[in-house]
Structure formats: C-alpha cells, structure tokens
Amino acid sequence: MLDQLWQTPFAIDRDVVYLGDTGPTQTRKRDVSTMTVRASVLPTGSALASGYAGADLADAFVIMLPSGATRDINGLAKEILAHPSAWFRALLSLRDGIVAPFGIKTTSRLLNDAAREKIYFFPVLHRTATEVIVGDVDVHLDFQASILLGKALPDGRQELILTTVVHCHNSLGRIYLFLIRPFHGVVVRDLMRRAESRLQRSVSR
C-alpha cells in the first residue's frame, strides 16, 4: 500500500520539482513575475548532481543576489540556514518529539555532535569556493542540501540556488518523507526569502 502510494507523483507546491521512481520529472508552471523565490531546474554544476537520478525527492529553488552583496559561499550558507523563523523552530521541536522514538535523528542530537562542523544543526559535508553541502546519512534516509552560486548576470546580480536531495532506504524513511513533504517547499521558500531580505538590506545601508 505504502509503496503504491509512494510511486504516485506528488507536489504540494506547484513550483517544486520532485523526482521519483515514476519516470520523467513532474513540473507545473506559474507566473513568476512577482516572485523573489522561484523554483529552479536542478543545477548540473552541483556536487549533488550524480544523486538526482533515483532520488525520492530532488528540488531546487533560486534567489537573485543583489549587486554588491557578499559572494562568500560560507556566509551565504549561514544566511540561509542559520536564521530560521520562530515558526520553523517550533515545527522542528514538534518533529523531534514525533520522530525520536523511531530512531530518526533529532536536531538536538545533531547539534550535540561536537565532532562535526555545522551550520545551525546541519552538518557540513562538502565545501568549495562556490558551493556548501550540508546533510546527514542515516539508516532510514540520506538528506543533502546544496547552497550553490549560480549564473552571474551582466547587471551584477547572481543566482543563489538551494537544492535538496533525499534518498530513502526503507519504509520508515519513506513514511517520514511523506509526512514532512507538504512542509518542505514552504520551509525552503521562507529560509530563502528571509536570507534575500537580509542580503538586500546589507547593500542598502
């Protein structure tokens, strides 16, 4: 039953691109003329690109860095990940209480892992001059997120792309992803919108 449900294309956000076992990527279009955060094609230049095929979830969102804003990838990753809204922190607390009995790692468990470099509670897995990858490998699923500097425009702006890739290993991982999936696009958009606002203010002072 679960496997049949999981093989059904699903998208709570009309812009989100999900990849599953059903074949071609499912996409739906909307007017992006007034949007600051928009869905993006999966970036081929990311170190995560080799994991797109067969992923249970793979999506990307993009904002435009204003001319004059920092291009330091570590600082940009912190702008996106290290300043969550109060409602997101409350959602994480609720999530932790639900998943802890099932052996899925909680945010406090990740935060208390002193051996790993982190941005907020996200362990840093890989870093280059243009990309930071955070995530975790667990028995139930593997989660990775990339913050990548994308295409630079002639007017001085530049794309900043947040890509998420999840691979589930068992039924518990698939149930967990099914439950959190409706919130995923909302959370990512909020993180990026808040970062974009702070970066815009930084060049307007």
N, C-alpha and C. Protein backbone atom coordinates (compact mmCIF):
# COMPACT_ATOMS: atom_id res chain seq x y z
N MET A 1 0.83 -1.20 0.00
CA MET A 1 0.00 0.00 0.00
C MET A 1 0.87 1.25 0.00
N LEU A 2 1.84 1.29 0.93
CA LEU A 2 2.73 2.45 1.01
C LEU A 2 3.54 2.60 -0.25
N ASP A 3 4.06 1.47 -0.76
CA ASP A 3 4.88 1.56 -1.98
C ASP A 3 4.06 2.06 -3.15
N GLN A 4 2.77 1.63 -3.24
CA GLN A 4 1.91 2.13 -4.32
C GLN A 4 1.66 3.61 -4.18
N LEU A 5 1.43 4.06 -2.93
CA LEU A 5 1.22 5.48 -2.68
C LEU A 5 2.45 6.27 -3.02
N TRP A 6 3.63 5.74 -2.66
CA TRP A 6 4.88 6.46 -2.87
C TRP A 6 5.20 6.64 -4.35
N GLN A 7 4.72 5.72 -5.19
CA GLN A 7 5.02 5.80 -6.62
C GLN A 7 4.10 6.75 -7.35
N THR A 8 3.19 7.41 -6.64
CA THR A 8 2.31 8.39 -7.25
C THR A 8 2.98 9.74 -7.26
N PRO A 9 3.09 10.43 -8.41
CA PRO A 9 3.68 11.77 -8.43
C PRO A 9 2.98 12.68 -7.44
N PHE A 10 3.75 13.50 -6.73
CA PHE A 10 3.19 14.32 -5.66
C PHE A 10 3.93 15.64 -5.61
N ALA A 11 3.17 16.73 -5.49
CA ALA A 11 3.80 18.04 -5.29
C ALA A 11 2.82 18.93 -4.56
N ILE A 12 3.19 19.38 -3.37
CA ILE A 12 2.32 20.29 -2.64
C ILE A 12 2.47 21.71 -3.16
N ASP A 13 3.70 22.07 -3.61
CA ASP A 13 3.95 23.38 -4.20
C ASP A 13 3.97 23.21 -5.71
N ARG A 14 3.27 24.08 -6.42
CA ARG A 14 3.19 23.91 -7.87
C ARG A 14 4.52 24.15 -8.56
N ASP A 15 5.46 24.80 -7.88
CA ASP A 15 6.76 25.05 -8.48
C ASP A 15 7.78 23.97 -8.17
N VAL A 16 7.49 23.12 -7.17
CA VAL A 16 8.50 22.18 -6.72
C VAL A 16 8.70 21.09 -7.75
N VAL A 17 9.94 20.73 -8.00
CA VAL A 17 10.28 19.65 -8.91
C VAL A 17 10.64 18.44 -8.07
N TYR A 18 9.88 17.35 -8.19
CA TYR A 18 10.18 16.14 -7.46
C TYR A 18 10.57 15.04 -8.43
N LEU A 19 11.54 14.27 -8.06
CA LEU A 19 11.93 13.12 -8.85
C LEU A 19 11.60 11.87 -8.05
N GLY A 20 11.05 10.89 -8.71
CA GLY A 20 10.76 9.63 -8.03
C GLY A 20 11.00 8.48 -8.97
N ASP A 21 10.37 7.37 -8.70
CA ASP A 21 10.58 6.18 -9.50
C ASP A 21 9.64 6.11 -10.69
N THR A 22 8.83 7.14 -10.88
CA THR A 22 7.79 7.05 -11.90
C THR A 22 8.26 7.49 -13.28
N GLY A 23 9.46 8.03 -13.40
CA GLY A 23 9.93 8.43 -14.71
C GLY A 23 10.26 9.89 -14.77
N PRO A 24 9.77 10.59 -15.81
CA PRO A 24 10.16 11.98 -16.02
C PRO A 24 9.76 12.89 -14.86
N THR A 25 10.54 13.94 -14.70
CA THR A 25 10.24 14.94 -13.68
C THR A 25 8.87 15.55 -13.91
N GLN A 26 8.13 15.75 -12.83
CA GLN A 26 6.82 16.38 -12.90
C GLN A 26 6.98 17.87 -12.60
N THR A 27 6.56 18.73 -13.52
CA THR A 27 6.67 20.17 -13.29
C THR A 27 5.35 20.85 -13.62
N ARG A 28 5.09 21.96 -12.95
CA ARG A 28 3.92 22.77 -13.25
C ARG A 28 4.36 24.22 -13.21
N LYS A 29 3.82 25.02 -14.09
CA LYS A 29 4.27 26.39 -14.26
C LYS A 29 3.34 27.36 -13.55
N ARG A 30 3.94 28.47 -13.08
CA ARG A 30 3.13 29.58 -12.58
C ARG A 30 3.83 30.88 -12.95
N ASP A 31 3.11 31.97 -12.89
CA ASP A 31 3.68 33.28 -13.19
C ASP A 31 4.69 33.64 -12.11
N VAL A 32 5.95 33.86 -12.51
CA VAL A 32 6.99 34.17 -11.53
C VAL A 32 7.38 35.63 -11.57
N SER A 33 6.59 36.46 -12.24
CA SER A 33 6.99 37.85 -12.43
C SER A 33 7.07 38.61 -11.13
N THR A 34 6.27 38.21 -10.12
CA THR A 34 6.28 38.92 -8.84
C THR A 34 6.95 38.11 -7.74
N MET A 35 7.57 37.01 -8.09
CA MET A 35 8.16 36.13 -7.09
C MET A 35 9.63 36.46 -6.89
N THR A 36 10.09 36.44 -5.63
CA THR A 36 11.50 36.62 -5.36
C THR A 36 12.20 35.28 -5.20
N VAL A 37 11.48 34.30 -4.69
CA VAL A 37 11.99 32.93 -4.60
C VAL A 37 11.23 32.10 -5.61
N ARG A 38 11.96 31.43 -6.47
CA ARG A 38 11.28 30.66 -7.50
C ARG A 38 11.93 29.28 -7.65
N ALA A 39 11.15 28.35 -8.15
CA ALA A 39 11.68 27.02 -8.43
C ALA A 39 12.69 27.10 -9.56
N SER A 40 13.67 26.22 -9.50
CA SER A 40 14.75 26.20 -10.50
C SER A 40 14.92 24.79 -11.03
N VAL A 41 15.48 24.69 -12.21
CA VAL A 41 15.93 23.38 -12.67
C VAL A 41 17.04 22.90 -11.73
N LEU A 42 17.19 21.61 -11.62
CA LEU A 42 18.25 21.07 -10.79
C LEU A 42 19.60 21.43 -11.40
N PRO A 43 20.49 22.07 -10.64
CA PRO A 43 21.75 22.56 -11.22
C PRO A 43 22.72 21.43 -11.53
N THR A 44 23.16 21.38 -12.78
CA THR A 44 24.10 20.33 -13.18
C THR A 44 25.49 20.56 -12.62
N GLY A 45 25.78 21.80 -12.19
CA GLY A 45 27.09 22.10 -11.66
C GLY A 45 27.26 21.77 -10.19
N SER A 46 26.21 21.26 -9.54
CA SER A 46 26.29 20.92 -8.13
C SER A 46 26.98 19.57 -7.94
N ALA A 47 27.67 19.43 -6.81
CA ALA A 47 28.27 18.14 -6.46
C ALA A 47 27.20 17.09 -6.17
N LEU A 48 25.95 17.51 -6.00
CA LEU A 48 24.85 16.57 -5.76
C LEU A 48 24.28 15.98 -7.04
N ALA A 49 24.71 16.48 -8.19
CA ALA A 49 24.06 16.12 -9.46
C ALA A 49 24.04 14.62 -9.72
N SER A 50 25.06 13.91 -9.29
CA SER A 50 25.10 12.47 -9.54
C SER A 50 24.03 11.72 -8.76
N GLY A 51 23.44 12.38 -7.75
CA GLY A 51 22.42 11.74 -6.95
C GLY A 51 20.99 12.09 -7.33
N TYR A 52 20.81 12.88 -8.37
CA TYR A 52 19.45 13.26 -8.77
C TYR A 52 18.65 12.05 -9.23
N ALA A 53 19.27 11.22 -10.05
CA ALA A 53 18.57 10.06 -10.59
C ALA A 53 18.25 9.09 -9.45
N GLY A 54 17.00 8.68 -9.39
CA GLY A 54 16.57 7.74 -8.38
C GLY A 54 16.28 8.34 -7.02
N ALA A 55 16.40 9.67 -6.89
CA ALA A 55 16.12 10.31 -5.60
C ALA A 55 14.63 10.26 -5.29
N ASP A 56 14.31 10.14 -4.02
CA ASP A 56 12.91 10.19 -3.60
C ASP A 56 12.38 11.61 -3.55
N LEU A 57 13.28 12.55 -3.39
CA LEU A 57 12.95 13.97 -3.52
C LEU A 57 14.17 14.68 -4.05
N ALA A 58 13.99 15.51 -5.06
CA ALA A 58 15.07 16.36 -5.57
C ALA A 58 14.44 17.63 -6.10
N ASP A 59 14.79 18.76 -5.51
CA ASP A 59 14.24 20.03 -5.98
C ASP A 59 15.25 21.14 -5.78
N ALA A 60 15.00 22.26 -6.41
CA ALA A 60 15.90 23.41 -6.31
C ALA A 60 15.09 24.69 -6.35
N PHE A 61 15.52 25.66 -5.55
CA PHE A 61 14.93 26.99 -5.52
C PHE A 61 16.05 28.02 -5.66
N VAL A 62 15.72 29.18 -6.23
CA VAL A 62 16.74 30.18 -6.52
C VAL A 62 16.27 31.56 -6.10
N ILE A 63 17.22 32.36 -5.61
CA ILE A 63 17.02 33.80 -5.43
C ILE A 63 18.14 34.50 -6.19
N MET A 64 17.96 35.80 -6.41
CA MET A 64 18.98 36.60 -7.07
C MET A 64 19.71 37.43 -6.02
N LEU A 65 21.02 37.23 -5.94
CA LEU A 65 21.84 38.07 -5.06
C LEU A 65 21.96 39.46 -5.68
N PRO A 66 21.70 40.50 -4.90
CA PRO A 66 21.83 41.84 -5.46
C PRO A 66 23.29 42.20 -5.71
N SER A 67 23.51 43.10 -6.63
CA SER A 67 24.86 43.61 -6.87
C SER A 67 25.39 44.23 -5.59
N GLY A 68 26.60 43.88 -5.22
CA GLY A 68 27.21 44.41 -4.01
C GLY A 68 27.07 43.52 -2.81
N ALA A 69 26.19 42.51 -2.85
CA ALA A 69 26.05 41.57 -1.74
C ALA A 69 27.23 40.61 -1.73
N THR A 70 27.52 40.04 -0.57
CA THR A 70 28.63 39.11 -0.46
C THR A 70 28.47 37.94 -1.42
N ARG A 71 29.59 37.44 -1.90
CA ARG A 71 29.61 36.21 -2.69
C ARG A 71 30.37 35.12 -1.94
N ASP A 72 30.65 35.35 -0.66
CA ASP A 72 31.31 34.34 0.15
C ASP A 72 30.33 33.21 0.43
N ILE A 73 30.63 32.01 -0.06
CA ILE A 73 29.66 30.93 -0.02
C ILE A 73 29.37 30.48 1.41
N ASN A 74 30.35 30.57 2.30
CA ASN A 74 30.11 30.19 3.69
C ASN A 74 29.13 31.17 4.34
N GLY A 75 29.35 32.45 4.10
CA GLY A 75 28.44 33.45 4.64
C GLY A 75 27.04 33.31 4.08
N LEU A 76 26.94 32.99 2.79
CA LEU A 76 25.63 32.84 2.16
C LEU A 76 24.90 31.62 2.71
N ALA A 77 25.63 30.53 2.93
CA ALA A 77 25.01 29.34 3.51
C ALA A 77 24.47 29.64 4.89
N LYS A 78 25.21 30.42 5.67
CA LYS A 78 24.74 30.79 7.01
C LYS A 78 23.53 31.71 6.92
N GLU A 79 23.51 32.61 5.94
CA GLU A 79 22.36 33.48 5.78
C GLU A 79 21.07 32.67 5.56
N ILE A 80 21.18 31.59 4.81
CA ILE A 80 20.01 30.78 4.51
C ILE A 80 19.64 29.86 5.67
N LEU A 81 20.63 29.18 6.24
CA LEU A 81 20.33 28.09 7.17
C LEU A 81 20.35 28.47 8.64
N ALA A 82 21.07 29.51 9.00
CA ALA A 82 21.33 29.78 10.42
C ALA A 82 20.37 30.80 11.04
N HIS A 83 19.37 31.25 10.28
CA HIS A 83 18.44 32.26 10.80
C HIS A 83 16.99 31.84 10.58
N PRO A 84 16.59 30.69 11.12
CA PRO A 84 15.22 30.22 10.89
C PRO A 84 14.20 31.06 11.64
N SER A 85 13.01 31.07 11.12
CA SER A 85 11.91 31.79 11.77
C SER A 85 11.45 31.03 13.01
N ALA A 86 10.72 31.73 13.89
CA ALA A 86 10.23 31.11 15.12
C ALA A 86 9.29 29.94 14.81
N TRP A 87 8.45 30.09 13.77
CA TRP A 87 7.51 29.01 13.46
C TRP A 87 8.24 27.77 12.95
N PHE A 88 9.38 27.95 12.26
CA PHE A 88 10.15 26.81 11.80
C PHE A 88 10.81 26.10 12.98
N ARG A 89 11.32 26.86 13.94
CA ARG A 89 11.91 26.24 15.13
C ARG A 89 10.86 25.47 15.92
N ALA A 90 9.64 26.01 15.99
CA ALA A 90 8.55 25.30 16.66
C ALA A 90 8.20 24.01 15.91
N LEU A 91 8.21 24.08 14.58
CA LEU A 91 7.93 22.90 13.77
C LEU A 91 9.00 21.84 13.98
N LEU A 92 10.26 22.27 14.09
CA LEU A 92 11.34 21.32 14.36
C LEU A 92 11.16 20.65 15.71
N SER A 93 10.76 21.42 16.70
CA SER A 93 10.54 20.85 18.03
C SER A 93 9.44 19.79 18.00
N LEU A 94 8.36 20.09 17.29
CA LEU A 94 7.28 19.12 17.14
C LEU A 94 7.77 17.88 16.40
N ARG A 95 8.50 18.09 15.34
CA ARG A 95 9.05 16.98 14.56
C ARG A 95 9.94 16.09 15.41
N ASP A 96 10.81 16.70 16.23
CA ASP A 96 11.72 15.92 17.05
C ASP A 96 10.97 15.04 18.04
N GLY A 97 9.91 15.58 18.65
CA GLY A 97 9.13 14.81 19.60
C GLY A 97 8.46 13.60 18.96
N ILE A 98 8.10 13.74 17.69
CA ILE A 98 7.41 12.65 16.99
C ILE A 98 8.38 11.57 16.54
N VAL A 99 9.55 11.98 16.00
CA VAL A 99 10.44 11.01 15.36
C VAL A 99 11.42 10.35 16.31
N ALA A 100 11.69 10.95 17.46
CA ALA A 100 12.71 10.41 18.37
C ALA A 100 12.46 8.94 18.74
N PRO A 101 11.22 8.53 19.04
CA PRO A 101 11.01 7.12 19.41
C PRO A 101 11.31 6.13 18.29
N PHE A 102 11.40 6.61 17.05
CA PHE A 102 11.62 5.72 15.91
C PHE A 102 13.09 5.68 15.47
N GLY A 103 13.95 6.36 16.21
CA GLY A 103 15.38 6.30 15.91
C GLY A 103 15.85 7.28 14.85
N ILE A 104 14.96 8.16 14.37
CA ILE A 104 15.37 9.19 13.43
C ILE A 104 16.06 10.31 14.20
N LYS A 105 17.17 10.79 13.69
CA LYS A 105 17.97 11.77 14.41
C LYS A 105 17.20 13.07 14.64
N THR A 106 17.29 13.58 15.87
CA THR A 106 16.66 14.85 16.21
C THR A 106 17.65 15.99 16.01
N THR A 107 17.13 17.22 15.99
CA THR A 107 18.02 18.38 15.83
C THR A 107 18.97 18.49 17.01
N SER A 108 18.51 18.20 18.22
CA SER A 108 19.40 18.29 19.38
C SER A 108 20.52 17.26 19.30
N ARG A 109 20.23 16.09 18.78
CA ARG A 109 21.27 15.07 18.61
C ARG A 109 22.33 15.53 17.62
N LEU A 110 21.89 16.17 16.55
CA LEU A 110 22.84 16.69 15.57
C LEU A 110 23.64 17.85 16.15
N LEU A 111 22.96 18.73 16.88
CA LEU A 111 23.65 19.88 17.49
C LEU A 111 24.70 19.44 18.49
N ASN A 112 24.45 18.36 19.20
CA ASN A 112 25.36 17.91 20.24
C ASN A 112 26.53 17.08 19.72
N ASP A 113 26.56 16.85 18.41
CA ASP A 113 27.67 16.11 17.80
C ASP A 113 28.84 17.08 17.60
N ALA A 114 29.71 17.17 18.60
CA ALA A 114 30.78 18.16 18.59
C ALA A 114 31.86 17.84 17.56
N ALA A 115 31.88 16.62 17.07
CA ALA A 115 32.94 16.22 16.14
C ALA A 115 32.70 16.73 14.72
N ARG A 116 31.54 17.28 14.45
CA ARG A 116 31.21 17.68 13.09
C ARG A 116 30.97 19.18 13.01
N GLU A 117 31.52 19.80 11.95
CA GLU A 117 31.22 21.21 11.69
C GLU A 117 29.77 21.34 11.26
N LYS A 118 29.11 22.37 11.75
CA LYS A 118 27.69 22.54 11.45
C LYS A 118 27.36 24.00 11.10
N ILE A 119 26.29 24.16 10.33
CA ILE A 119 25.63 25.45 10.16
C ILE A 119 24.24 25.27 10.75
N TYR A 120 23.97 25.97 11.87
CA TYR A 120 22.81 25.70 12.71
C TYR A 120 22.94 24.25 13.16
N PHE A 121 22.00 23.35 12.82
CA PHE A 121 22.18 21.95 13.21
C PHE A 121 22.57 21.08 12.02
N PHE A 122 22.79 21.68 10.85
CA PHE A 122 23.08 20.93 9.63
C PHE A 122 24.57 20.61 9.54
N PRO A 123 24.98 19.35 9.59
CA PRO A 123 26.40 19.01 9.41
C PRO A 123 26.89 19.39 8.02
N VAL A 124 28.09 19.97 7.97
CA VAL A 124 28.72 20.34 6.70
C VAL A 124 29.43 19.12 6.14
N LEU A 125 29.08 18.74 4.91
CA LEU A 125 29.65 17.55 4.29
C LEU A 125 30.71 17.87 3.24
N HIS A 126 30.57 19.04 2.61
CA HIS A 126 31.45 19.34 1.46
C HIS A 126 31.45 20.84 1.24
N ARG A 127 32.59 21.36 0.82
CA ARG A 127 32.68 22.80 0.59
C ARG A 127 33.68 23.09 -0.53
N THR A 128 33.29 23.98 -1.43
CA THR A 128 34.21 24.54 -2.42
C THR A 128 34.06 26.05 -2.37
N ALA A 129 34.71 26.74 -3.30
CA ALA A 129 34.61 28.20 -3.33
C ALA A 129 33.21 28.67 -3.73
N THR A 130 32.43 27.79 -4.36
CA THR A 130 31.11 28.20 -4.87
C THR A 130 29.96 27.36 -4.33
N GLU A 131 30.24 26.39 -3.47
CA GLU A 131 29.17 25.50 -3.01
C GLU A 131 29.45 24.98 -1.61
N VAL A 132 28.41 24.93 -0.79
CA VAL A 132 28.44 24.27 0.52
C VAL A 132 27.34 23.22 0.52
N ILE A 133 27.69 22.00 0.93
CA ILE A 133 26.71 20.93 1.04
C ILE A 133 26.60 20.52 2.50
N VAL A 134 25.37 20.51 3.00
CA VAL A 134 25.09 20.04 4.35
C VAL A 134 24.18 18.83 4.25
N GLY A 135 24.10 18.07 5.33
CA GLY A 135 23.20 16.93 5.34
C GLY A 135 23.61 15.89 6.34
N ASP A 136 22.98 14.73 6.21
CA ASP A 136 23.27 13.64 7.12
C ASP A 136 22.90 12.32 6.46
N VAL A 137 23.66 11.29 6.79
CA VAL A 137 23.41 9.94 6.32
C VAL A 137 22.87 9.14 7.49
N ASP A 138 21.70 8.56 7.32
CA ASP A 138 21.05 7.83 8.40
C ASP A 138 20.60 6.47 7.88
N VAL A 139 20.23 5.59 8.79
CA VAL A 139 19.81 4.25 8.39
C VAL A 139 18.50 4.30 7.62
N HIS A 140 17.67 5.33 7.88
CA HIS A 140 16.36 5.40 7.24
C HIS A 140 16.39 6.19 5.94
N LEU A 141 17.17 7.27 5.91
CA LEU A 141 17.27 8.06 4.68
C LEU A 141 18.52 8.92 4.71
N ASP A 142 18.95 9.32 3.53
CA ASP A 142 20.07 10.26 3.38
C ASP A 142 19.50 11.59 2.89
N PHE A 143 19.90 12.67 3.58
CA PHE A 143 19.44 14.00 3.23
C PHE A 143 20.67 14.87 2.93
N GLN A 144 20.62 15.59 1.81
CA GLN A 144 21.68 16.54 1.47
C GLN A 144 21.05 17.80 0.88
N ALA A 145 21.64 18.94 1.23
CA ALA A 145 21.21 20.22 0.67
C ALA A 145 22.44 20.99 0.22
N SER A 146 22.33 21.59 -0.93
CA SER A 146 23.43 22.36 -1.54
C SER A 146 23.06 23.82 -1.62
N ILE A 147 23.98 24.67 -1.20
CA ILE A 147 23.87 26.11 -1.44
C ILE A 147 24.95 26.44 -2.46
N LEU A 148 24.53 26.87 -3.64
CA LEU A 148 25.42 26.99 -4.79
C LEU A 148 25.30 28.36 -5.44
N LEU A 149 26.44 28.98 -5.71
CA LEU A 149 26.45 30.20 -6.54
C LEU A 149 26.23 29.80 -7.99
N GLY A 150 25.21 30.39 -8.59
CA GLY A 150 24.88 30.06 -9.97
C GLY A 150 25.33 31.14 -10.94
N LYS A 151 24.52 31.33 -11.97
CA LYS A 151 24.88 32.21 -13.09
C LYS A 151 24.95 33.67 -12.65
N ALA A 152 26.01 34.35 -13.07
CA ALA A 152 26.15 35.79 -12.84
C ALA A 152 25.57 36.55 -14.02
N LEU A 153 24.84 37.62 -13.73
CA LEU A 153 24.21 38.42 -14.77
C LEU A 153 25.01 39.70 -15.04
N PRO A 154 24.84 40.27 -16.24
CA PRO A 154 25.60 41.49 -16.58
C PRO A 154 25.32 42.67 -15.65
N ASP A 155 24.15 42.70 -15.00
CA ASP A 155 23.83 43.83 -14.13
C ASP A 155 24.41 43.69 -12.72
N GLY A 156 25.21 42.65 -12.50
CA GLY A 156 25.86 42.47 -11.21
C GLY A 156 25.16 41.52 -10.27
N ARG A 157 23.93 41.10 -10.60
CA ARG A 157 23.25 40.12 -9.78
C ARG A 157 23.77 38.72 -10.08
N GLN A 158 23.48 37.79 -9.16
CA GLN A 158 23.92 36.41 -9.35
C GLN A 158 22.93 35.46 -8.69
N GLU A 159 22.73 34.32 -9.32
CA GLU A 159 21.84 33.32 -8.76
C GLU A 159 22.44 32.67 -7.52
N LEU A 160 21.60 32.40 -6.54
CA LEU A 160 21.96 31.57 -5.40
C LEU A 160 20.92 30.46 -5.32
N ILE A 161 21.37 29.22 -5.43
CA ILE A 161 20.47 28.08 -5.60
C ILE A 161 20.56 27.16 -4.39
N LEU A 162 19.40 26.81 -3.84
CA LEU A 162 19.32 25.82 -2.77
C LEU A 162 18.68 24.56 -3.32
N THR A 163 19.45 23.48 -3.32
CA THR A 163 19.00 22.19 -3.85
C THR A 163 18.89 21.19 -2.72
N THR A 164 17.82 20.42 -2.71
CA THR A 164 17.63 19.37 -1.72
C THR A 164 17.50 18.03 -2.42
N VAL A 165 18.21 17.02 -1.90
CA VAL A 165 18.14 15.67 -2.44
C VAL A 165 17.98 14.69 -1.27
N VAL A 166 16.99 13.81 -1.38
CA VAL A 166 16.73 12.81 -0.35
C VAL A 166 16.63 11.44 -0.99
N HIS A 167 17.33 10.48 -0.39
CA HIS A 167 17.23 9.07 -0.78
C HIS A 167 16.76 8.27 0.43
N CYS A 168 15.63 7.60 0.30
CA CYS A 168 15.10 6.78 1.38
C CYS A 168 15.63 5.35 1.27
N HIS A 169 15.85 4.71 2.42
CA HIS A 169 16.41 3.36 2.44
C HIS A 169 15.40 2.30 2.86
N ASN A 170 14.31 2.70 3.50
CA ASN A 170 13.35 1.71 3.97
C ASN A 170 11.98 2.37 4.12
N SER A 171 11.01 1.59 4.56
CA SER A 171 9.64 2.09 4.67
C SER A 171 9.52 3.22 5.67
N LEU A 172 10.26 3.14 6.78
CA LEU A 172 10.20 4.20 7.77
C LEU A 172 10.69 5.52 7.18
N GLY A 173 11.76 5.46 6.40
CA GLY A 173 12.25 6.66 5.74
C GLY A 173 11.24 7.23 4.77
N ARG A 174 10.55 6.36 4.04
CA ARG A 174 9.55 6.84 3.08
C ARG A 174 8.33 7.42 3.79
N ILE A 175 7.92 6.81 4.91
CA ILE A 175 6.82 7.37 5.69
C ILE A 175 7.19 8.75 6.22
N TYR A 176 8.40 8.87 6.75
CA TYR A 176 8.86 10.15 7.29
C TYR A 176 8.85 11.22 6.21
N LEU A 177 9.39 10.91 5.03
CA LEU A 177 9.43 11.89 3.96
C LEU A 177 8.03 12.25 3.49
N PHE A 178 7.15 11.27 3.43
CA PHE A 178 5.77 11.54 3.03
C PHE A 178 5.10 12.53 3.98
N LEU A 179 5.40 12.42 5.28
CA LEU A 179 4.77 13.28 6.27
C LEU A 179 5.33 14.70 6.26
N ILE A 180 6.63 14.83 6.01
CA ILE A 180 7.22 16.18 6.06
C ILE A 180 7.20 16.87 4.70
N ARG A 181 6.92 16.13 3.66
CA ARG A 181 6.99 16.68 2.31
C ARG A 181 6.07 17.89 2.10
N PRO A 182 4.84 17.89 2.64
CA PRO A 182 3.97 19.06 2.42
C PRO A 182 4.54 20.35 2.98
N PHE A 183 5.44 20.26 3.95
CA PHE A 183 6.02 21.45 4.57
C PHE A 183 7.32 21.88 3.91
N HIS A 184 7.89 21.02 3.12
CA HIS A 184 9.25 21.24 2.61
C HIS A 184 9.36 22.52 1.79
N GLY A 185 8.51 22.66 0.78
CA GLY A 185 8.59 23.83 -0.08
C GLY A 185 8.35 25.13 0.67
N VAL A 186 7.42 25.09 1.65
CA VAL A 186 7.12 26.28 2.44
C VAL A 186 8.33 26.68 3.26
N VAL A 187 8.98 25.70 3.89
CA VAL A 187 10.16 25.98 4.72
C VAL A 187 11.30 26.53 3.87
N VAL A 188 11.58 25.90 2.74
CA VAL A 188 12.69 26.34 1.90
C VAL A 188 12.45 27.75 1.39
N ARG A 189 11.25 28.03 0.94
CA ARG A 189 10.94 29.38 0.46
C ARG A 189 11.11 30.41 1.56
N ASP A 190 10.69 30.07 2.78
CA ASP A 190 10.82 31.00 3.89
C ASP A 190 12.28 31.26 4.22
N LEU A 191 13.10 30.22 4.26
CA LEU A 191 14.52 30.38 4.54
C LEU A 191 15.19 31.29 3.51
N MET A 192 14.86 31.06 2.24
CA MET A 192 15.50 31.84 1.19
C MET A 192 14.97 33.27 1.14
N ARG A 193 13.67 33.42 1.38
CA ARG A 193 13.09 34.77 1.38
C ARG A 193 13.69 35.62 2.49
N ARG A 194 13.87 35.03 3.67
CA ARG A 194 14.46 35.75 4.78
C ARG A 194 15.91 36.11 4.49
N ALA A 195 16.66 35.18 3.89
CA ALA A 195 18.05 35.46 3.53
C ALA A 195 18.13 36.57 2.49
N GLU A 196 17.26 36.51 1.51
CA GLU A 196 17.24 37.53 0.46
C GLU A 196 16.98 38.91 1.05
N SER A 197 16.06 38.98 1.99
CA SER A 197 15.75 40.25 2.63
C SER A 197 16.94 40.82 3.39
N ARG A 198 17.63 39.97 4.14
CA ARG A 198 18.81 40.43 4.87
C ARG A 198 19.92 40.88 3.93
N LEU A 199 20.12 40.14 2.84
CA LEU A 199 21.17 40.49 1.89
C LEU A 199 20.84 41.80 1.18
N GLN A 200 19.56 42.01 0.89
CA GLN A 200 19.15 43.27 0.25
C GLN A 200 19.39 44.44 1.19
N ARG A 201 19.08 44.24 2.47
CA ARG A 201 19.32 45.32 3.44
C ARG A 201 20.80 45.60 3.59
N SER A 202 21.64 44.59 3.45
CA SER A 202 23.08 44.77 3.63
C SER A 202 23.69 45.68 2.57
N VAL A 203 23.08 45.72 1.40
CA VAL A 203 23.63 46.59 0.33
C VAL A 203 22.88 47.90 0.24
N SER A 204 21.84 48.07 1.06
CA SER A 204 21.04 49.30 1.03
C SER A 204 21.43 50.28 2.10
N ARG A 205 22.31 49.86 3.00
CA ARG A 205 22.72 50.74 4.11
C ARG A 205 23.59 51.88 3.61
